[in-house]
């Protein structure tokens, strides 16, 4: 197993993780920003106010993007297992 193959495999795994986690992280960031603006304009400084909207946004994102994320992870796993013979040598 060459160094280039290991780096390529690590790069592909990293890109898959970022691609799968990106939508939910983005939704959490967007909802957090909206809640922060709401808190700043109303001067409500309750720390627990941000958690429930973020949790609901991430849950909604998981429901909405779930099939797509599963397909991305399944494709990566199938490619990885399909080339297992090159890793074992």
N, C-alpha and C. Protein backbone atom coordinates (compact mmCIF):
# COMPACT_ATOMS: atom_id res chain seq x y z
N UNK A 1 0.84 -1.16 0.00
CA UNK A 1 0.00 0.00 0.00
C UNK A 1 0.90 1.24 0.00
N UNK A 2 0.74 2.07 -0.99
CA UNK A 2 1.64 3.21 -1.14
C UNK A 2 1.14 4.41 -0.33
N UNK A 3 2.04 5.36 -0.17
CA UNK A 3 1.69 6.57 0.57
C UNK A 3 0.61 7.37 -0.15
N UNK A 4 0.69 7.41 -1.46
CA UNK A 4 -0.30 8.15 -2.23
C UNK A 4 -1.70 7.57 -2.09
N UNK A 5 -1.78 6.25 -2.00
CA UNK A 5 -3.07 5.59 -1.83
C UNK A 5 -3.67 5.90 -0.46
N UNK A 6 -2.82 5.93 0.56
CA UNK A 6 -3.28 6.25 1.91
C UNK A 6 -3.77 7.69 1.99
N UNK A 7 -3.01 8.61 1.40
CA UNK A 7 -3.41 10.01 1.40
C UNK A 7 -4.71 10.19 0.62
N UNK A 8 -4.82 9.53 -0.51
CA UNK A 8 -6.04 9.61 -1.32
C UNK A 8 -7.25 9.07 -0.57
N UNK A 9 -7.07 7.97 0.12
CA UNK A 9 -8.15 7.38 0.90
C UNK A 9 -8.55 8.29 2.07
N UNK A 10 -7.58 8.87 2.73
CA UNK A 10 -7.86 9.79 3.83
C UNK A 10 -8.57 11.04 3.34
N UNK A 11 -8.15 11.56 2.18
CA UNK A 11 -8.78 12.74 1.60
C UNK A 11 -10.24 12.45 1.24
N UNK A 12 -10.47 11.31 0.63
CA UNK A 12 -11.84 10.93 0.25
C UNK A 12 -12.72 10.73 1.49
N UNK A 13 -12.17 10.14 2.54
CA UNK A 13 -12.93 9.96 3.79
C UNK A 13 -13.25 11.31 4.42
N UNK A 14 -12.31 12.23 4.42
CA UNK A 14 -12.53 13.56 4.99
C UNK A 14 -13.59 14.32 4.20
N UNK A 15 -13.53 14.25 2.89
CA UNK A 15 -14.52 14.93 2.06
C UNK A 15 -15.91 14.32 2.25
N UNK A 16 -15.97 13.02 2.44
CA UNK A 16 -17.26 12.37 2.69
C UNK A 16 -17.84 12.82 4.02
N UNK A 17 -17.02 12.91 5.04
CA UNK A 17 -17.49 13.37 6.35
C UNK A 17 -17.99 14.81 6.27
N UNK A 18 -17.24 15.67 5.60
CA UNK A 18 -17.66 17.07 5.46
C UNK A 18 -18.93 17.20 4.64
N UNK A 19 -19.06 16.39 3.61
CA UNK A 19 -20.25 16.42 2.78
C UNK A 19 -21.49 15.94 3.53
N UNK A 20 -21.32 14.93 4.36
CA UNK A 20 -22.45 14.38 5.11
C UNK A 20 -22.82 15.29 6.28
N UNK A 21 -21.84 15.83 6.97
CA UNK A 21 -22.13 16.65 8.15
C UNK A 21 -22.46 18.10 7.81
N UNK A 22 -22.08 18.54 6.63
CA UNK A 22 -22.24 19.94 6.24
C UNK A 22 -23.65 20.50 6.33
N UNK A 23 -24.65 19.82 5.78
CA UNK A 23 -25.99 20.40 5.83
C UNK A 23 -26.51 20.62 7.25
N UNK A 24 -26.29 19.67 8.13
CA UNK A 24 -26.79 19.83 9.49
C UNK A 24 -25.99 20.87 10.27
N UNK A 25 -24.68 20.93 10.05
CA UNK A 25 -23.89 21.96 10.70
C UNK A 25 -24.29 23.35 10.20
N UNK A 26 -24.55 23.45 8.90
CA UNK A 26 -24.98 24.72 8.33
C UNK A 26 -26.33 25.16 8.88
N UNK A 27 -27.26 24.23 9.01
CA UNK A 27 -28.57 24.56 9.57
C UNK A 27 -28.44 25.01 11.03
N UNK A 28 -27.62 24.31 11.79
CA UNK A 28 -27.40 24.71 13.19
C UNK A 28 -26.78 26.09 13.29
N UNK A 29 -25.84 26.38 12.40
CA UNK A 29 -25.21 27.69 12.38
C UNK A 29 -26.21 28.78 12.01
N UNK A 30 -27.02 28.51 11.01
CA UNK A 30 -28.00 29.50 10.56
C UNK A 30 -29.05 29.79 11.64
N UNK A 31 -29.56 28.75 12.27
CA UNK A 31 -30.54 28.94 13.35
C UNK A 31 -29.90 29.64 14.54
N UNK A 32 -28.67 29.30 14.87
CA UNK A 32 -27.98 29.98 15.96
C UNK A 32 -27.80 31.46 15.68
N UNK A 33 -27.50 31.80 14.43
CA UNK A 33 -27.35 33.20 14.05
C UNK A 33 -28.68 33.94 14.16
N UNK A 34 -29.75 33.30 13.69
CA UNK A 34 -31.07 33.93 13.77
C UNK A 34 -31.49 34.15 15.22
N UNK A 35 -31.27 33.16 16.06
CA UNK A 35 -31.63 33.29 17.47
C UNK A 35 -30.77 34.36 18.14
N UNK A 36 -29.50 34.44 17.77
CA UNK A 36 -28.62 35.47 18.34
C UNK A 36 -29.09 36.87 17.96
N UNK A 37 -29.50 37.06 16.72
CA UNK A 37 -30.02 38.36 16.30
C UNK A 37 -31.32 38.67 17.05
N UNK A 38 -32.17 37.66 17.21
CA UNK A 38 -33.41 37.84 17.96
C UNK A 38 -33.12 38.23 19.41
N UNK A 39 -32.14 37.56 20.03
CA UNK A 39 -31.78 37.89 21.41
C UNK A 39 -31.19 39.29 21.52
N UNK A 40 -30.41 39.69 20.53
CA UNK A 40 -29.80 41.01 20.58
C UNK A 40 -30.84 42.11 20.39
N UNK A 41 -31.82 41.87 19.54
CA UNK A 41 -32.82 42.92 19.31
C UNK A 41 -33.83 43.02 20.45
N UNK A 42 -34.15 41.90 21.09
CA UNK A 42 -35.13 41.94 22.18
C UNK A 42 -34.46 42.04 23.54
N UNK A 43 -33.15 41.95 23.60
CA UNK A 43 -32.36 41.99 24.83
C UNK A 43 -32.76 40.88 25.80
N UNK A 44 -33.20 39.75 25.26
CA UNK A 44 -33.44 38.56 26.06
C UNK A 44 -32.14 37.76 26.06
N UNK A 45 -31.52 37.63 27.19
CA UNK A 45 -30.23 36.96 27.27
C UNK A 45 -30.35 35.61 27.98
N UNK A 46 -31.30 34.83 27.58
CA UNK A 46 -31.50 33.49 28.15
C UNK A 46 -30.60 32.50 27.40
N UNK A 47 -29.73 31.82 28.12
CA UNK A 47 -28.77 30.91 27.50
C UNK A 47 -29.42 29.66 26.91
N UNK A 48 -30.51 29.23 27.50
CA UNK A 48 -31.13 27.99 27.03
C UNK A 48 -32.03 28.21 25.82
N UNK A 49 -32.25 29.44 25.42
CA UNK A 49 -33.13 29.75 24.30
C UNK A 49 -32.58 29.22 22.98
N UNK A 50 -31.28 29.09 22.86
CA UNK A 50 -30.69 28.67 21.59
C UNK A 50 -30.75 27.17 21.36
N UNK A 51 -30.87 26.37 22.41
CA UNK A 51 -30.75 24.93 22.25
C UNK A 51 -31.94 24.29 21.52
N UNK A 52 -33.14 24.62 21.90
CA UNK A 52 -34.31 23.97 21.32
C UNK A 52 -34.44 24.25 19.82
N UNK A 53 -34.32 25.51 19.36
CA UNK A 53 -34.38 25.72 17.90
C UNK A 53 -33.27 25.01 17.13
N UNK A 54 -32.07 24.97 17.70
CA UNK A 54 -30.97 24.27 17.03
C UNK A 54 -31.24 22.78 16.94
N UNK A 55 -31.72 22.19 18.03
CA UNK A 55 -32.02 20.76 18.03
C UNK A 55 -33.10 20.45 17.01
N UNK A 56 -34.13 21.28 16.96
CA UNK A 56 -35.21 21.05 15.99
C UNK A 56 -34.72 21.23 14.55
N UNK A 57 -33.84 22.21 14.32
CA UNK A 57 -33.31 22.42 12.98
C UNK A 57 -32.44 21.24 12.53
N UNK A 58 -31.61 20.74 13.43
CA UNK A 58 -30.75 19.61 13.08
C UNK A 58 -31.59 18.35 12.88
N UNK A 59 -32.60 18.16 13.69
CA UNK A 59 -33.50 17.02 13.51
C UNK A 59 -34.23 17.11 12.17
N UNK A 60 -34.73 18.30 11.85
CA UNK A 60 -35.39 18.49 10.55
C UNK A 60 -34.43 18.28 9.39
N UNK A 61 -33.20 18.74 9.55
CA UNK A 61 -32.19 18.51 8.52
C UNK A 61 -31.87 17.04 8.35
N UNK A 62 -31.82 16.30 9.46
CA UNK A 62 -31.56 14.86 9.37
C UNK A 62 -32.70 14.14 8.67
N UNK A 63 -33.92 14.58 8.92
CA UNK A 63 -35.07 13.97 8.24
C UNK A 63 -35.06 14.33 6.77
N UNK A 64 -34.78 15.59 6.46
CA UNK A 64 -34.81 16.06 5.08
C UNK A 64 -33.64 15.52 4.25
N UNK A 65 -32.43 15.57 4.81
CA UNK A 65 -31.24 15.15 4.08
C UNK A 65 -30.83 13.71 4.36
N UNK A 66 -31.57 13.00 5.20
CA UNK A 66 -31.20 11.64 5.59
C UNK A 66 -30.99 10.68 4.44
N UNK A 67 -31.93 10.57 3.50
CA UNK A 67 -31.71 9.63 2.38
C UNK A 67 -30.49 9.99 1.54
N UNK A 68 -30.27 11.27 1.32
CA UNK A 68 -29.10 11.70 0.55
C UNK A 68 -27.81 11.36 1.29
N UNK A 69 -27.78 11.62 2.60
CA UNK A 69 -26.59 11.34 3.40
C UNK A 69 -26.32 9.84 3.44
N UNK A 70 -27.38 9.04 3.55
CA UNK A 70 -27.21 7.59 3.55
C UNK A 70 -26.64 7.11 2.22
N UNK A 71 -27.09 7.69 1.11
CA UNK A 71 -26.59 7.30 -0.20
C UNK A 71 -25.11 7.66 -0.33
N UNK A 72 -24.71 8.83 0.15
CA UNK A 72 -23.30 9.24 0.08
C UNK A 72 -22.43 8.28 0.90
N UNK A 73 -22.87 7.95 2.11
CA UNK A 73 -22.08 7.05 2.96
C UNK A 73 -22.05 5.63 2.39
N UNK A 74 -23.16 5.18 1.83
CA UNK A 74 -23.20 3.84 1.24
C UNK A 74 -22.29 3.75 0.02
N UNK A 75 -22.30 4.78 -0.82
CA UNK A 75 -21.40 4.79 -1.98
C UNK A 75 -19.94 4.75 -1.56
N UNK A 76 -19.60 5.52 -0.53
CA UNK A 76 -18.22 5.51 -0.04
C UNK A 76 -17.84 4.13 0.51
N UNK A 77 -18.73 3.54 1.30
CA UNK A 77 -18.45 2.22 1.88
C UNK A 77 -18.32 1.16 0.79
N UNK A 78 -19.17 1.22 -0.23
CA UNK A 78 -19.08 0.24 -1.32
C UNK A 78 -17.79 0.39 -2.11
N UNK A 79 -17.38 1.64 -2.37
CA UNK A 79 -16.09 1.86 -3.04
C UNK A 79 -14.94 1.36 -2.19
N UNK A 80 -15.01 1.60 -0.89
CA UNK A 80 -13.94 1.17 0.01
C UNK A 80 -13.86 -0.35 0.07
N UNK A 81 -15.00 -1.01 0.21
CA UNK A 81 -15.00 -2.47 0.27
C UNK A 81 -14.69 -3.10 -1.09
N UNK A 82 -15.06 -2.41 -2.18
CA UNK A 82 -14.76 -2.93 -3.51
C UNK A 82 -13.28 -2.92 -3.82
N UNK A 83 -12.53 -2.02 -3.21
CA UNK A 83 -11.08 -1.93 -3.43
C UNK A 83 -10.29 -2.50 -2.27
N UNK A 84 -10.92 -3.31 -1.45
CA UNK A 84 -10.24 -3.87 -0.28
C UNK A 84 -9.03 -4.72 -0.68
N UNK A 85 -9.11 -5.36 -1.82
CA UNK A 85 -7.98 -6.22 -2.24
C UNK A 85 -6.71 -5.41 -2.47
N UNK A 86 -6.83 -4.14 -2.82
CA UNK A 86 -5.63 -3.32 -3.01
C UNK A 86 -5.05 -2.85 -1.68
N UNK A 87 -5.87 -2.80 -0.65
CA UNK A 87 -5.39 -2.36 0.66
C UNK A 87 -4.69 -3.49 1.42
N UNK A 88 -5.06 -4.71 1.14
CA UNK A 88 -4.55 -5.85 1.90
C UNK A 88 -3.13 -6.21 1.48
N UNK A 89 -2.81 -5.97 0.24
CA UNK A 89 -1.47 -6.36 -0.25
C UNK A 89 -0.37 -5.72 0.51
